[in-house]
Amino acid sequence: MKTQVVVIGAGPSGLLLSQLLARSGVDVVVLERQRPEYVLGRIRAGVLERGTMEMLRQAGAGERMDREGLPHDGFHVGVDGELHHIDLKGLTGCSVMVYGQTELTRDLMELRQREGGVIHYGAADVQIHDLDGARPSVSFTRHGRRERIECDYVAGCDGFHGVSRRSIPAGVLTEHERVYPFGWLGLLSDTPPVDDELIYSRHPRGFSLCSMRSRSRSRYYLQVPLTEKVEDWSDGRFWDELRGRLPQAHAERLVTGPSLEKSIAPLRSFVVEPMQYGRMILVGDAAHIVPPTGAKGLNLAASDVYVAWKLLARACAGDHDALQRYSPLCLDRIWKAQRFSWWLTSLLHDFPDTPMFDRRVREAELSYLLSSEAGRRSIAENYVGLPFPETD
């Protein structure tokens, strides 16, 4: 088999990139290790920045998002039981959209199928060959048979644990990482959200987040030590702990119910440099991970997709030097998003063994920012998303 671009990974970034490339006249094949049902079963974030929304519309995948998604003009920051409002629309002129990643992935899957996109699910033992040559190839096993695709370029959209980054020779990449001393215990339930907007809350007992997937499905998170086990958290224990971290008025109107899913996710900051080797680029979680505090993970992957789409289209049209700009363009925005996610995580979470002086300084910084219009605008500008990189 031959194609111009092989995309490894059929998560939202791989599907979106393949759709945009196909609409630009590029021949593309997607390889996914898992079955479609498994991909759709992943529970992930659901806050979309303005740039992400616009790209989905450009890809032809924004109709259901615009119809069923929940536009949010702001969010709340809770500090020890008191809520402070960040007016995104008033401070920046922009809003965000709450639309679950599962639904976004479903929309892209169905769109690629309707438009004849080639996606090989169940592609096992993927191996990437000759990346430093003019004609790389990707081999894989499907239906018990070994297959190979020759291509011009490879886009690694297969996540932190995928094969793409691991296929780059030792010594080429520099990895930057910070592991946080706590995780997020998340619960998904078919209950109405406790508020019309998201609540990011700092509390002496630890951070909490009140989020949602729809007007009838809620997603809640609690900061917990990494030593905690999800099986030790009954639904009742979770709801009681969440009530204790919410302002009284919200605690009283919290609607509880059986959990649909419960899990503990560790928090990590990770960036790899460069994001390219030979004829392969790394996209999204294959190149970077951010703490979920600032809702940047999916949106940061979308900005990578934007740059990859523009530069791969040029490369496939004959400008083979175009991809040399990929890594510098992406990394500038990535580090700014890393800064925001790290900073918000640092201000809102309880870090064990933090000296009292450092605690007081963090409290003063958060108090200043929330009481200052300039401070709230800085938070809002980062939350709605910085502009995508200029590729022209």
Protein backbone atom coordinates (compact mmCIF):
# COMPACT_ATOMS: atom_id res chain seq x y z
CA MET A 1 0.00 0.00 0.00
CA LYS A 2 1.06 3.57 -0.62
CA THR A 3 -0.19 6.90 0.68
CA GLN A 4 1.10 10.41 1.35
CA VAL A 5 0.58 10.59 5.13
CA VAL A 6 0.12 7.84 7.70
CA VAL A 7 -1.55 9.07 10.88
CA ILE A 8 -0.93 6.79 13.86
CA GLY A 9 -3.79 7.03 16.35
CA ALA A 10 -7.53 7.56 15.82
CA GLY A 11 -8.21 9.70 18.86
CA PRO A 12 -9.56 13.22 18.32
CA SER A 13 -6.23 14.67 17.14
CA GLY A 14 -5.56 11.88 14.62
CA LEU A 15 -9.11 11.96 13.29
CA LEU A 16 -9.19 15.75 13.02
CA LEU A 17 -5.81 15.92 11.29
CA SER A 18 -6.78 13.20 8.80
CA GLN A 19 -10.05 14.97 8.03
CA LEU A 20 -8.39 18.34 7.43
CA LEU A 21 -5.65 16.80 5.30
CA ALA A 22 -8.20 14.87 3.22
CA ARG A 23 -10.16 18.06 2.60
CA SER A 24 -6.91 19.66 1.42
CA GLY A 25 -6.42 16.94 -1.18
CA VAL A 26 -3.86 14.87 0.74
CA ASP A 27 -4.08 11.08 0.62
CA VAL A 28 -4.07 9.84 4.22
CA VAL A 29 -4.42 6.52 6.08
CA VAL A 30 -5.08 6.23 9.84
CA LEU A 31 -3.89 3.32 11.99
CA GLU A 32 -5.47 2.64 15.40
CA ARG A 33 -4.46 -0.16 17.75
CA GLN A 34 -7.85 -0.32 19.52
CA ARG A 35 -11.37 -1.02 18.30
CA PRO A 36 -13.76 1.95 17.74
CA GLU A 37 -15.79 1.01 20.83
CA TYR A 38 -12.71 1.27 23.04
CA VAL A 39 -11.76 4.67 21.61
CA LEU A 40 -15.26 5.99 22.27
CA GLY A 41 -15.19 4.60 25.81
CA ARG A 42 -12.40 6.91 26.92
CA ILE A 43 -13.65 9.53 29.40
CA ARG A 44 -11.84 12.80 28.76
CA ALA A 45 -12.16 16.55 28.99
CA GLY A 46 -14.91 18.60 27.47
CA VAL A 47 -14.01 22.33 27.41
CA LEU A 48 -13.19 23.61 23.91
CA GLU A 49 -11.32 26.81 23.19
CA ARG A 50 -12.36 29.19 20.43
CA GLY A 51 -9.61 27.96 18.07
CA THR A 52 -10.59 24.33 18.56
CA MET A 53 -14.23 25.10 17.83
CA GLU A 54 -13.34 26.95 14.64
CA MET A 55 -11.14 24.10 13.39
CA LEU A 56 -13.92 21.57 13.95
CA ARG A 57 -16.21 23.74 11.88
CA GLN A 58 -13.58 24.02 9.13
CA ALA A 59 -13.30 20.24 9.15
CA GLY A 60 -17.08 19.89 8.71
CA ALA A 61 -17.44 18.38 12.20
CA GLY A 62 -18.99 21.27 14.10
CA GLU A 63 -22.71 20.89 13.39
CA ARG A 64 -23.67 18.79 16.43
CA MET A 65 -21.25 20.69 18.65
CA ASP A 66 -22.95 23.97 17.74
CA ARG A 67 -26.39 22.41 18.23
CA GLU A 68 -25.85 20.46 21.46
CA GLY A 69 -22.76 22.00 23.06
CA LEU A 70 -23.02 24.40 25.98
CA PRO A 71 -21.45 27.83 25.36
CA HIS A 72 -19.89 29.19 28.54
CA ASP A 73 -19.19 32.89 28.95
CA GLY A 74 -17.35 32.46 32.26
CA PHE A 75 -16.42 30.22 35.17
CA HIS A 76 -16.01 30.45 38.93
CA VAL A 77 -12.94 30.25 41.12
CA GLY A 78 -13.74 29.22 44.68
CA VAL A 79 -11.41 30.24 47.49
CA ASP A 80 -12.17 28.73 50.89
CA GLY A 81 -15.92 28.75 50.27
CA GLU A 82 -16.18 32.12 48.47
CA LEU A 83 -16.81 32.24 44.69
CA HIS A 84 -15.15 34.69 42.31
CA HIS A 85 -16.42 34.98 38.74
CA ILE A 86 -14.15 35.12 35.69
CA ASP A 87 -16.20 36.81 32.97
CA LEU A 88 -14.59 35.34 29.85
CA LYS A 89 -16.89 37.10 27.40
CA GLY A 90 -16.67 40.46 29.12
CA LEU A 91 -12.90 40.35 29.56
CA THR A 92 -11.89 38.88 26.18
CA GLY A 93 -14.95 38.98 23.94
CA CYS A 94 -14.73 35.17 23.62
CA SER A 95 -16.45 32.15 25.12
CA VAL A 96 -15.62 28.46 25.44
CA MET A 97 -17.79 25.43 24.64
CA VAL A 98 -18.54 22.49 26.91
CA TYR A 99 -18.77 19.48 24.61
CA GLY A 100 -17.53 16.05 25.67
CA GLN A 101 -14.47 14.60 23.96
CA THR A 102 -16.35 11.34 23.46
CA GLU A 103 -18.99 13.16 21.41
CA LEU A 104 -16.37 15.08 19.46
CA THR A 105 -14.58 11.80 18.64
CA ARG A 106 -17.87 10.20 17.58
CA ASP A 107 -18.59 13.12 15.24
CA LEU A 108 -15.17 12.83 13.61
CA MET A 109 -15.43 9.04 13.28
CA GLU A 110 -18.77 9.28 11.53
CA LEU A 111 -17.59 12.11 9.29
CA ARG A 112 -14.49 10.21 8.17
CA GLN A 113 -16.66 7.19 7.42
CA ARG A 114 -19.14 9.24 5.38
CA GLU A 115 -16.35 10.83 3.38
CA GLY A 116 -14.58 7.56 2.69
CA GLY A 117 -11.65 8.01 5.03
CA VAL A 118 -9.36 4.98 5.44
CA ILE A 119 -9.01 3.99 9.10
CA HIS A 120 -7.57 0.60 10.05
CA TYR A 121 -8.77 -0.28 13.56
CA GLY A 122 -7.18 -3.18 15.42
CA ALA A 123 -3.77 -2.45 13.87
CA ALA A 124 -1.41 -4.28 16.24
CA ASP A 125 2.38 -4.22 16.61
CA VAL A 126 2.83 -0.98 14.65
CA GLN A 127 6.43 -0.35 13.60
CA ILE A 128 7.82 2.72 11.84
CA HIS A 129 10.68 2.33 9.37
CA ASP A 130 13.20 4.61 7.62
CA LEU A 131 12.06 7.85 9.19
CA ASP A 132 15.31 9.54 8.27
CA GLY A 133 14.95 8.57 4.62
CA ALA A 134 12.93 9.99 1.75
CA ARG A 135 10.33 7.23 1.81
CA PRO A 136 9.39 5.95 5.28
CA SER A 137 6.96 3.10 5.84
CA VAL A 138 4.76 1.76 8.62
CA SER A 139 4.10 -1.94 9.18
CA PHE A 140 1.36 -3.49 11.33
CA THR A 141 -0.59 -6.68 11.91
CA ARG A 142 -4.31 -6.82 11.14
CA HIS A 143 -6.56 -9.88 10.96
CA GLY A 144 -3.50 -12.02 11.62
CA ARG A 145 -1.67 -10.70 8.57
CA ARG A 146 1.39 -8.42 8.38
CA GLU A 147 0.90 -5.33 6.21
CA ARG A 148 3.07 -2.36 5.23
CA ILE A 149 2.24 1.14 4.01
CA GLU A 150 4.80 3.28 2.20
CA CYS A 151 4.32 7.01 2.71
CA ASP A 152 5.91 10.45 2.48
CA TYR A 153 5.25 11.51 6.08
CA VAL A 154 4.12 10.07 9.41
CA ALA A 155 2.07 11.92 12.05
CA GLY A 156 2.32 10.38 15.52
CA CYS A 157 -1.03 11.07 17.21
CA ASP A 158 -0.93 7.99 19.44
CA GLY A 159 -0.60 9.52 22.89
CA PHE A 160 1.96 9.47 25.68
CA HIS A 161 2.38 5.68 25.64
CA GLY A 162 2.25 5.27 21.85
CA VAL A 163 4.85 3.84 19.52
CA SER A 164 5.63 7.08 17.65
CA ARG A 165 7.82 8.84 20.21
CA ARG A 166 9.47 5.54 21.18
CA SER A 167 10.48 5.04 17.54
CA ILE A 168 12.83 8.04 17.62
CA PRO A 169 16.45 7.02 18.27
CA ALA A 170 17.91 7.55 21.74
CA GLY A 171 19.66 10.87 22.24
CA VAL A 172 17.55 12.82 19.76
CA LEU A 173 14.86 14.07 22.15
CA THR A 174 15.07 16.13 25.32
CA GLU A 175 12.31 15.38 27.83
CA HIS A 176 11.09 17.87 30.42
CA GLU A 177 8.84 16.50 33.15
CA ARG A 178 7.24 17.40 36.45
CA VAL A 179 5.19 14.85 38.39
CA TYR A 180 2.75 16.26 40.94
CA PRO A 181 2.34 14.69 44.40
CA PHE A 182 -1.41 14.12 44.05
CA GLY A 183 -4.07 12.98 41.60
CA TRP A 184 -7.65 13.75 40.61
CA LEU A 185 -10.40 11.37 41.68
CA GLY A 186 -13.12 11.81 39.06
CA LEU A 187 -16.77 10.76 39.12
CA LEU A 188 -19.21 10.86 36.20
CA SER A 189 -22.94 10.78 36.94
CA ASP A 190 -26.25 11.31 35.22
CA THR A 191 -27.18 14.20 37.48
CA PRO A 192 -27.73 17.91 36.70
CA PRO A 193 -24.63 20.07 37.26
CA VAL A 194 -24.45 21.92 40.56
CA ASP A 195 -23.96 25.22 38.68
CA ASP A 196 -24.45 26.55 35.14
CA GLU A 197 -20.70 27.24 34.95
CA LEU A 198 -17.59 25.33 36.01
CA ILE A 199 -16.27 25.81 39.53
CA TYR A 200 -12.53 25.48 40.20
CA SER A 201 -12.18 25.55 43.96
CA ARG A 202 -9.33 25.78 46.47
CA HIS A 203 -10.11 24.48 49.95
CA PRO A 204 -8.09 23.46 53.03
CA ARG A 205 -9.18 19.85 52.36
CA GLY A 206 -7.88 20.05 48.78
CA PHE A 207 -8.87 21.17 45.29
CA SER A 208 -12.19 20.30 43.67
CA LEU A 209 -13.73 20.87 40.24
CA CYS A 210 -17.40 20.88 39.34
CA SER A 211 -17.73 20.30 35.60
CA MET A 212 -20.30 18.85 33.21
CA ARG A 213 -20.80 17.04 29.91
CA SER A 214 -24.39 18.20 29.36
CA ARG A 215 -27.31 19.67 31.28
CA SER A 216 -28.03 16.22 32.69
CA ARG A 217 -24.55 14.68 33.00
CA SER A 218 -21.99 15.96 35.52
CA ARG A 219 -18.29 15.39 36.02
CA TYR A 220 -16.74 16.09 39.42
CA TYR A 221 -13.15 15.87 40.65
CA LEU A 222 -11.40 15.80 44.02
CA GLN A 223 -7.70 16.22 44.73
CA VAL A 224 -6.49 13.08 46.51
CA PRO A 225 -3.07 11.69 47.53
CA LEU A 226 -1.44 9.34 45.06
CA THR A 227 -1.68 6.61 47.68
CA GLU A 228 -5.49 6.55 47.42
CA LYS A 229 -7.23 3.66 45.65
CA VAL A 230 -10.45 4.18 43.71
CA GLU A 231 -12.06 1.06 45.23
CA ASP A 232 -11.83 2.72 48.67
CA TRP A 233 -14.09 5.54 47.48
CA SER A 234 -17.76 4.62 47.56
CA ASP A 235 -20.17 6.98 45.84
CA GLY A 236 -21.38 8.13 49.24
CA ARG A 237 -17.88 8.96 50.43
CA PHE A 238 -17.18 10.94 47.25
CA TRP A 239 -20.37 12.99 47.49
CA ASP A 240 -19.79 13.74 51.19
CA GLU A 241 -16.24 14.92 50.52
CA LEU A 242 -17.33 17.07 47.59
CA ARG A 243 -20.03 18.74 49.70
CA GLY A 244 -17.40 19.55 52.30
CA ARG A 245 -15.28 21.41 49.74
CA LEU A 246 -18.13 23.41 48.14
CA PRO A 247 -19.61 26.73 49.24
CA GLN A 248 -22.59 26.08 51.48
CA ALA A 249 -25.21 27.21 48.95
CA HIS A 250 -23.84 24.84 46.31
CA ALA A 251 -23.39 21.99 48.78
CA GLU A 252 -27.08 22.24 49.66
CA ARG A 253 -28.25 22.02 46.04
CA LEU A 254 -25.83 19.30 44.91
CA VAL A 255 -27.80 16.49 43.26
CA THR A 256 -26.16 13.09 43.79
CA GLY A 257 -26.63 9.74 42.06
CA PRO A 258 -24.89 6.50 41.10
CA SER A 259 -21.50 6.90 39.43
CA LEU A 260 -21.20 5.91 35.77
CA GLU A 261 -17.41 5.94 36.00
CA LYS A 262 -14.86 6.58 38.71
CA SER A 263 -11.08 6.79 38.34
CA ILE A 264 -7.95 8.43 39.72
CA ALA A 265 -5.68 10.26 37.29
CA PRO A 266 -2.15 11.32 38.31
CA LEU A 267 -1.07 14.83 37.31
CA ARG A 268 1.99 15.42 35.16
CA SER A 269 3.63 18.18 33.13
CA PHE A 270 5.66 16.82 30.20
CA VAL A 271 7.21 18.29 27.05
CA VAL A 272 9.53 16.69 24.52
CA GLU A 273 11.79 18.71 22.24
CA PRO A 274 11.96 18.65 19.25
CA MET A 275 8.56 17.36 18.09
CA GLN A 276 9.93 16.05 14.82
CA TYR A 277 12.42 13.49 13.61
CA GLY A 278 13.07 13.00 9.91
CA ARG A 279 9.74 12.54 8.17
CA MET A 280 7.69 12.15 11.36
CA ILE A 281 6.04 14.76 13.56
CA LEU A 282 4.58 14.24 17.05
CA VAL A 283 1.11 15.61 17.76
CA GLY A 284 -0.74 16.12 21.05
CA ASP A 285 -0.08 13.80 23.99
CA ALA A 286 2.70 12.07 22.07
CA ALA A 287 4.73 15.25 22.64
CA HIS A 288 3.27 16.91 25.72
CA ILE A 289 1.04 16.42 28.75
CA VAL A 290 -0.45 19.20 30.88
CA PRO A 291 -2.27 19.05 34.21
CA PRO A 292 -6.03 19.20 33.54
CA THR A 293 -6.54 22.25 35.77
CA GLY A 294 -6.63 24.77 32.92
CA ALA A 295 -8.51 22.61 30.35
CA LYS A 296 -5.56 22.74 27.95
CA GLY A 297 -4.85 19.10 26.97
CA LEU A 298 -7.26 18.58 24.09
CA ASN A 299 -6.99 22.20 23.00
CA LEU A 300 -3.21 22.09 22.91
CA ALA A 301 -3.43 19.00 20.71
CA ALA A 302 -5.80 20.93 18.44
CA SER A 303 -3.25 23.72 17.96
CA ASP A 304 -0.65 21.07 17.02
CA VAL A 305 -3.15 19.69 14.51
CA TYR A 306 -3.62 23.15 13.03
CA VAL A 307 0.11 23.59 12.41
CA ALA A 308 0.52 19.99 11.21
CA TRP A 309 -2.38 20.37 8.77
CA LYS A 310 -1.00 23.55 7.21
CA LEU A 311 2.62 22.38 6.97
CA LEU A 312 1.92 18.78 5.89
CA ALA A 313 -0.35 20.05 3.11
CA ARG A 314 2.51 22.23 1.85
CA ALA A 315 5.04 19.42 2.17
CA CYS A 316 2.81 17.05 0.21
CA ALA A 317 2.46 19.72 -2.47
CA GLY A 318 6.23 19.81 -2.92
CA ASP A 319 7.56 22.19 -0.22
CA HIS A 320 9.57 19.52 1.60
CA ASP A 321 11.20 22.07 3.93
CA ALA A 322 7.86 23.20 5.35
CA LEU A 323 7.93 20.73 8.24
CA GLN A 324 11.14 22.23 9.60
CA ARG A 325 8.97 24.97 11.10
CA TYR A 326 6.63 22.55 12.89
CA SER A 327 8.45 22.07 16.16
CA PRO A 328 9.40 25.73 16.83
CA LEU A 329 5.91 26.96 15.99
CA CYS A 330 4.19 24.41 18.24
CA LEU A 331 6.58 24.62 21.18
CA ASP A 332 6.15 28.37 21.66
CA ARG A 333 2.43 27.93 22.33
CA ILE A 334 2.94 24.67 24.23
CA TRP A 335 5.23 26.25 26.80
CA LYS A 336 2.81 29.13 27.32
CA ALA A 337 0.01 26.62 27.96
CA GLN A 338 2.29 24.63 30.25
CA ARG A 339 2.99 27.79 32.22
CA PHE A 340 -0.71 28.52 32.65
CA SER A 341 -1.61 24.95 33.64
CA TRP A 342 1.31 24.67 36.09
CA TRP A 343 0.54 28.09 37.56
CA LEU A 344 -3.18 27.43 38.06
CA THR A 345 -2.42 24.00 39.51
CA SER A 346 0.07 25.55 41.92
CA LEU A 347 -2.37 28.21 43.11
CA LEU A 348 -5.44 26.00 43.59
CA HIS A 349 -4.04 22.73 44.98
CA ASP A 350 -2.69 21.83 48.37
CA PHE A 351 0.96 20.74 48.09
CA PRO A 352 2.19 18.61 50.99
CA ASP A 353 5.16 19.95 52.95
CA THR A 354 4.91 23.46 51.46
CA PRO A 355 6.55 26.01 53.83
CA MET A 356 4.10 28.45 55.40
CA PHE A 357 5.82 31.43 53.75
CA ASP A 358 5.23 29.91 50.28
CA ARG A 359 1.61 29.15 51.17
CA ARG A 360 0.99 32.75 52.20
CA VAL A 361 2.59 34.08 49.01
CA ARG A 362 0.36 31.83 46.88
CA GLU A 363 -2.71 32.97 48.82
CA ALA A 364 -1.71 36.61 48.30
CA GLU A 365 -1.11 36.09 44.59
CA LEU A 366 -4.50 34.45 44.05
CA SER A 367 -6.23 37.15 46.12
CA TYR A 368 -4.56 39.88 44.09
CA LEU A 369 -5.39 38.33 40.72
CA LEU A 370 -9.05 37.75 41.55
CA SER A 371 -9.47 41.31 42.89
CA SER A 372 -7.76 42.94 39.89
CA GLU A 373 -9.39 43.38 36.48
CA ALA A 374 -5.97 43.00 34.86
CA GLY A 375 -5.43 39.78 36.81
CA ARG A 376 -8.82 38.36 35.86
CA ARG A 377 -8.22 39.33 32.22
CA SER A 378 -4.90 37.45 32.22
CA ILE A 379 -6.66 34.34 33.50
CA ALA A 380 -9.46 34.76 30.95
CA GLU A 381 -7.11 35.27 27.98
CA ASN A 382 -5.26 32.07 28.76
CA TYR A 383 -8.45 30.11 29.47
CA VAL A 384 -10.22 30.95 26.18
CA GLY A 385 -7.00 30.09 24.37
CA LEU A 386 -4.08 32.01 22.91
CA PRO A 387 -4.11 32.48 19.10
CA PHE A 388 -2.95 29.54 17.01
CA PRO A 389 0.56 29.92 15.52
CA GLU A 390 0.93 31.79 12.24
CA THR A 391 2.11 29.33 9.59
CA ASP A 392 2.37 31.77 6.65
